[in-house]
Amino acid sequence: MSSEFESYEQDFAVLTAEITGRIGKVPKLVGDEKKQMVANVEKQLEEARELLEQMELEVREIPPQSRGMYSSRMRSYKQEMGKLEADFKRSRIAYSDEVRNELLGDDGNSSENQRAHLLDNTERLERSSRRLEAGYQIAVET
């Protein structure tokens, strides 16, 4: 029975490697390519979930004395699956943020431009304040 579990482990490792590679590509794609990649990743995530279910069934059939080791492996695989799903969600969100920024014209230079304008206005305000103080001092002296 453990040989079947180990073959499921190998399949799961290959599948998660493929999913990880594709998740990394999702934010870089646009249009139909992106939709197709997202659909493929969702399909592979479903396959990985099914593999985990099969692995759980195999663990249940393993004798109790050696079940602990396989149970701990299952926990780590479930955690890995959770991380993959979170990464996939983040990659989709990263893409939507890029599109939103393009549509709104918000890019990295705009924050630098805003900062430069803020500094210029602050300097102008300080000069005006000094002139007002100097004028006030002259008024007080006279």
C-alpha atoms as a PDB file:
ATOM      1  CA  MET A   1       0.000   0.000   0.000  1.00  0.00           C
ATOM      2  CA  SER A   2       2.814   2.416   0.746  1.00  0.00           C
ATOM      3  CA  SER A   3       4.091   1.966  -2.821  1.00  0.00           C
ATOM      4  CA  GLU A   4       0.814   3.421  -4.128  1.00  0.00           C
ATOM      5  CA  PHE A   5       1.141   6.280  -1.657  1.00  0.00           C
ATOM      6  CA  GLU A   6       4.682   6.920  -2.853  1.00  0.00           C
ATOM      7  CA  SER A   7       3.574   6.948  -6.487  1.00  0.00           C
ATOM      8  CA  TYR A   8       0.882   9.489  -5.521  1.00  0.00           C
ATOM      9  CA  GLU A   9       3.602  11.499  -3.787  1.00  0.00           C
ATOM     10  CA  GLN A  10       5.683  11.553  -6.952  1.00  0.00           C
ATOM     11  CA  ASP A  11       2.671  12.584  -9.032  1.00  0.00           C
ATOM     12  CA  PHE A  12       1.864  15.313  -6.504  1.00  0.00           C
ATOM     13  CA  ALA A  13       5.462  16.607  -6.585  1.00  0.00           C
ATOM     14  CA  VAL A  14       5.471  16.790 -10.399  1.00  0.00           C
ATOM     15  CA  LEU A  15       2.063  18.445 -10.469  1.00  0.00           C
ATOM     16  CA  THR A  16       2.939  21.053  -7.831  1.00  0.00           C
ATOM     17  CA  ALA A  17       6.153  21.902  -9.708  1.00  0.00           C
ATOM     18  CA  GLU A  18       4.155  22.480 -12.888  1.00  0.00           C
ATOM     19  CA  ILE A  19       1.593  24.565 -11.009  1.00  0.00           C
ATOM     20  CA  THR A  20       4.314  26.681  -9.415  1.00  0.00           C
ATOM     21  CA  GLY A  21       5.886  27.357 -12.806  1.00  0.00           C
ATOM     22  CA  ARG A  22       2.589  28.361 -14.332  1.00  0.00           C
ATOM     23  CA  ILE A  23       1.618  30.549 -11.390  1.00  0.00           C
ATOM     24  CA  GLY A  24       4.812  32.508 -11.962  1.00  0.00           C
ATOM     25  CA  LYS A  25       3.803  33.138 -15.576  1.00  0.00           C
ATOM     26  CA  VAL A  26       0.229  34.321 -14.888  1.00  0.00           C
ATOM     27  CA  PRO A  27       1.002  37.971 -13.987  1.00  0.00           C
ATOM     28  CA  LYS A  28       3.116  38.390 -17.140  1.00  0.00           C
ATOM     29  CA  LEU A  29       0.446  37.260 -19.587  1.00  0.00           C
ATOM     30  CA  VAL A  30      -2.398  39.307 -21.065  1.00  0.00           C
ATOM     31  CA  GLY A  31      -5.758  38.662 -22.671  1.00  0.00           C
ATOM     32  CA  ASP A  32      -6.665  35.194 -23.867  1.00  0.00           C
ATOM     33  CA  GLU A  33      -3.259  33.760 -22.975  1.00  0.00           C
ATOM     34  CA  LYS A  34      -3.815  34.771 -19.370  1.00  0.00           C
ATOM     35  CA  LYS A  35      -7.342  33.341 -19.312  1.00  0.00           C
ATOM     36  CA  GLN A  36      -6.100  30.069 -20.746  1.00  0.00           C
ATOM     37  CA  MET A  37      -3.228  29.868 -18.251  1.00  0.00           C
ATOM     38  CA  VAL A  38      -5.589  30.612 -15.342  1.00  0.00           C
ATOM     39  CA  ALA A  39      -7.947  27.874 -16.540  1.00  0.00           C
ATOM     40  CA  ASN A  40      -5.036  25.415 -16.813  1.00  0.00           C
ATOM     41  CA  VAL A  41      -3.782  26.257 -13.340  1.00  0.00           C
ATOM     42  CA  GLU A  42      -7.283  25.882 -11.873  1.00  0.00           C
ATOM     43  CA  LYS A  43      -7.581  22.495 -13.567  1.00  0.00           C
ATOM     44  CA  GLN A  44      -4.213  21.390 -12.196  1.00  0.00           C
ATOM     45  CA  LEU A  45      -5.113  22.610  -8.711  1.00  0.00           C
ATOM     46  CA  GLU A  46      -8.233  20.462  -8.881  1.00  0.00           C
ATOM     47  CA  GLU A  47      -6.114  17.477  -9.946  1.00  0.00           C
ATOM     48  CA  ALA A  48      -3.807  18.109  -7.001  1.00  0.00           C
ATOM     49  CA  ARG A  49      -6.796  18.182  -4.631  1.00  0.00           C
ATOM     50  CA  GLU A  50      -7.976  14.859  -6.033  1.00  0.00           C
ATOM     51  CA  LEU A  51      -4.495  13.385  -5.571  1.00  0.00           C
ATOM     52  CA  LEU A  52      -4.539  14.522  -1.948  1.00  0.00           C
ATOM     53  CA  GLU A  53      -7.880  12.790  -1.467  1.00  0.00           C
ATOM     54  CA  GLN A  54      -6.470   9.573  -2.945  1.00  0.00           C
ATOM     55  CA  MET A  55      -3.450   9.859  -0.683  1.00  0.00           C
ATOM     56  CA  GLU A  56      -5.715  10.287   2.344  1.00  0.00           C
ATOM     57  CA  LEU A  57      -7.603   7.149   1.405  1.00  0.00           C
ATOM     58  CA  GLU A  58      -4.314   5.262   1.140  1.00  0.00           C
ATOM     59  CA  VAL A  59      -3.218   6.520   4.562  1.00  0.00           C
ATOM     60  CA  ARG A  60      -6.443   5.232   6.088  1.00  0.00           C
ATOM     61  CA  GLU A  61      -5.695   1.747   4.746  1.00  0.00           C
ATOM     62  CA  ILE A  62      -2.135   1.673   6.132  1.00  0.00           C
ATOM     63  CA  PRO A  63      -1.696  -0.247   9.408  1.00  0.00           C
ATOM     64  CA  PRO A  64      -1.904   1.981  12.521  1.00  0.00           C
ATOM     65  CA  GLN A  65       1.724   1.453  13.599  1.00  0.00           C
ATOM     66  CA  SER A  66       3.111   3.111  10.418  1.00  0.00           C
ATOM     67  CA  ARG A  67       0.222   5.518   9.821  1.00  0.00           C
ATOM     68  CA  GLY A  68       1.782   8.369  11.847  1.00  0.00           C
ATOM     69  CA  MET A  69       4.611   8.971   9.411  1.00  0.00           C
ATOM     70  CA  TYR A  70       2.231   9.118   6.464  1.00  0.00           C
ATOM     71  CA  SER A  71      -0.181  11.364   8.349  1.00  0.00           C
ATOM     72  CA  SER A  72       2.557  13.914   8.968  1.00  0.00           C
ATOM     73  CA  ARG A  73       3.442  13.829   5.275  1.00  0.00           C
ATOM     74  CA  MET A  74      -0.207  14.448   4.438  1.00  0.00           C
ATOM     75  CA  ARG A  75      -0.271  17.506   6.697  1.00  0.00           C
ATOM     76  CA  SER A  76       2.746  18.957   4.909  1.00  0.00           C
ATOM     77  CA  TYR A  77       1.182  18.262   1.511  1.00  0.00           C
ATOM     78  CA  LYS A  78      -2.014  19.997   2.579  1.00  0.00           C
ATOM     79  CA  GLN A  79      -0.002  23.002   3.741  1.00  0.00           C
ATOM     80  CA  GLU A  80       1.818  23.054   0.411  1.00  0.00           C
ATOM     81  CA  MET A  81      -1.513  22.938  -1.383  1.00  0.00           C
ATOM     82  CA  GLY A  82      -2.765  25.874   0.682  1.00  0.00           C
ATOM     83  CA  LYS A  83       0.349  27.855  -0.212  1.00  0.00           C
ATOM     84  CA  LEU A  84      -0.109  27.086  -3.900  1.00  0.00           C
ATOM     85  CA  GLU A  85      -3.703  28.289  -3.809  1.00  0.00           C
ATOM     86  CA  ALA A  86      -2.668  31.484  -1.983  1.00  0.00           C
ATOM     87  CA  ASP A  87       0.140  32.109  -4.496  1.00  0.00           C
ATOM     88  CA  PHE A  88      -2.283  31.587  -7.365  1.00  0.00           C
ATOM     89  CA  LYS A  89      -4.702  34.064  -5.847  1.00  0.00           C
ATOM     90  CA  ARG A  90      -1.899  36.611  -5.355  1.00  0.00           C
ATOM     91  CA  SER A  91      -0.690  36.179  -8.931  1.00  0.00           C
ATOM     92  CA  ARG A  92      -4.181  36.894 -10.239  1.00  0.00           C
ATOM     93  CA  ILE A  93      -4.489  39.949  -7.986  1.00  0.00           C
ATOM     94  CA  ALA A  94      -1.053  41.213  -9.036  1.00  0.00           C
ATOM     95  CA  TYR A  95      -2.190  41.065 -12.626  1.00  0.00           C
ATOM     96  CA  SER A  96      -5.388  42.971 -11.914  1.00  0.00           C
ATOM     97  CA  ASP A  97      -3.393  45.666 -10.049  1.00  0.00           C
ATOM     98  CA  GLU A  98      -1.132  46.106 -13.074  1.00  0.00           C
ATOM     99  CA  VAL A  99      -4.113  46.458 -15.386  1.00  0.00           C
ATOM    100  CA  ARG A 100      -5.791  48.911 -13.016  1.00  0.00           C
ATOM    101  CA  ASN A 101      -2.638  51.023 -12.841  1.00  0.00           C
ATOM    102  CA  GLU A 102      -2.353  51.043 -16.636  1.00  0.00           C
ATOM    103  CA  LEU A 103      -5.968  52.084 -17.062  1.00  0.00           C
ATOM    104  CA  LEU A 104      -5.747  54.821 -14.456  1.00  0.00           C
ATOM    105  CA  GLY A 105      -2.371  55.988 -15.696  1.00  0.00           C
ATOM    106  CA  ASP A 106      -0.830  55.292 -12.315  1.00  0.00           C
ATOM    107  CA  ASP A 107       2.798  54.301 -12.635  1.00  0.00           C
ATOM    108  CA  GLY A 108       5.920  54.477 -10.500  1.00  0.00           C
ATOM    109  CA  ASN A 109       6.928  57.882 -11.914  1.00  0.00           C
ATOM    110  CA  SER A 110       3.754  59.585 -10.747  1.00  0.00           C
ATOM    111  CA  SER A 111       4.654  59.120  -7.075  1.00  0.00           C
ATOM    112  CA  GLU A 112       8.101  60.558  -7.764  1.00  0.00           C
ATOM    113  CA  ASN A 113       6.509  63.512  -9.583  1.00  0.00           C
ATOM    114  CA  GLN A 114       4.119  64.071  -6.706  1.00  0.00           C
ATOM    115  CA  ARG A 115       6.983  64.050  -4.237  1.00  0.00           C
ATOM    116  CA  ALA A 116       8.945  66.563  -6.324  1.00  0.00           C
ATOM    117  CA  HIS A 117       5.915  68.884  -6.476  1.00  0.00           C
ATOM    118  CA  LEU A 118       5.420  68.549  -2.728  1.00  0.00           C
ATOM    119  CA  LEU A 119       9.046  69.484  -2.061  1.00  0.00           C
ATOM    120  CA  ASP A 120       8.826  72.485  -4.406  1.00  0.00           C
ATOM    121  CA  ASN A 121       5.639  73.708  -2.738  1.00  0.00           C
ATOM    122  CA  THR A 122       7.144  73.230   0.721  1.00  0.00           C
ATOM    123  CA  GLU A 123      10.183  75.339  -0.233  1.00  0.00           C
ATOM    124  CA  ARG A 124       7.936  78.046  -1.702  1.00  0.00           C
ATOM    125  CA  LEU A 125       5.863  78.093   1.495  1.00  0.00           C
ATOM    126  CA  GLU A 126       8.976  78.400   3.667  1.00  0.00           C
ATOM    127  CA  ARG A 127      10.264  81.352   1.583  1.00  0.00           C
ATOM    128  CA  SER A 128       6.903  83.087   1.838  1.00  0.00           C
ATOM    129  CA  SER A 129       6.834  82.508   5.597  1.00  0.00           C
ATOM    130  CA  ARG A 130      10.322  84.042   5.961  1.00  0.00           C
ATOM    131  CA  ARG A 131       9.258  87.101   3.950  1.00  0.00           C
ATOM    132  CA  LEU A 132       6.176  87.540   6.103  1.00  0.00           C
ATOM    133  CA  GLU A 133       8.247  87.249   9.289  1.00  0.00           C
ATOM    134  CA  ALA A 134      10.752  89.785   7.957  1.00  0.00           C
ATOM    135  CA  GLY A 135       7.910  92.158   7.074  1.00  0.00           C
ATOM    136  CA  TYR A 136       6.392  91.697  10.519  1.00  0.00           C
ATOM    137  CA  GLN A 137       9.754  92.448  12.179  1.00  0.00           C
ATOM    138  CA  ILE A 138      10.076  95.648  10.136  1.00  0.00           C
ATOM    139  CA  ALA A 139       6.535  96.663  11.161  1.00  0.00           C
ATOM    140  CA  VAL A 140       7.305  96.016  14.840  1.00  0.00           C
ATOM    141  CA  GLU A 141      10.552  98.015  14.687  1.00  0.00           C
ATOM    142  CA  THR A 142       8.854 101.034  13.174  1.00  0.00           C
END
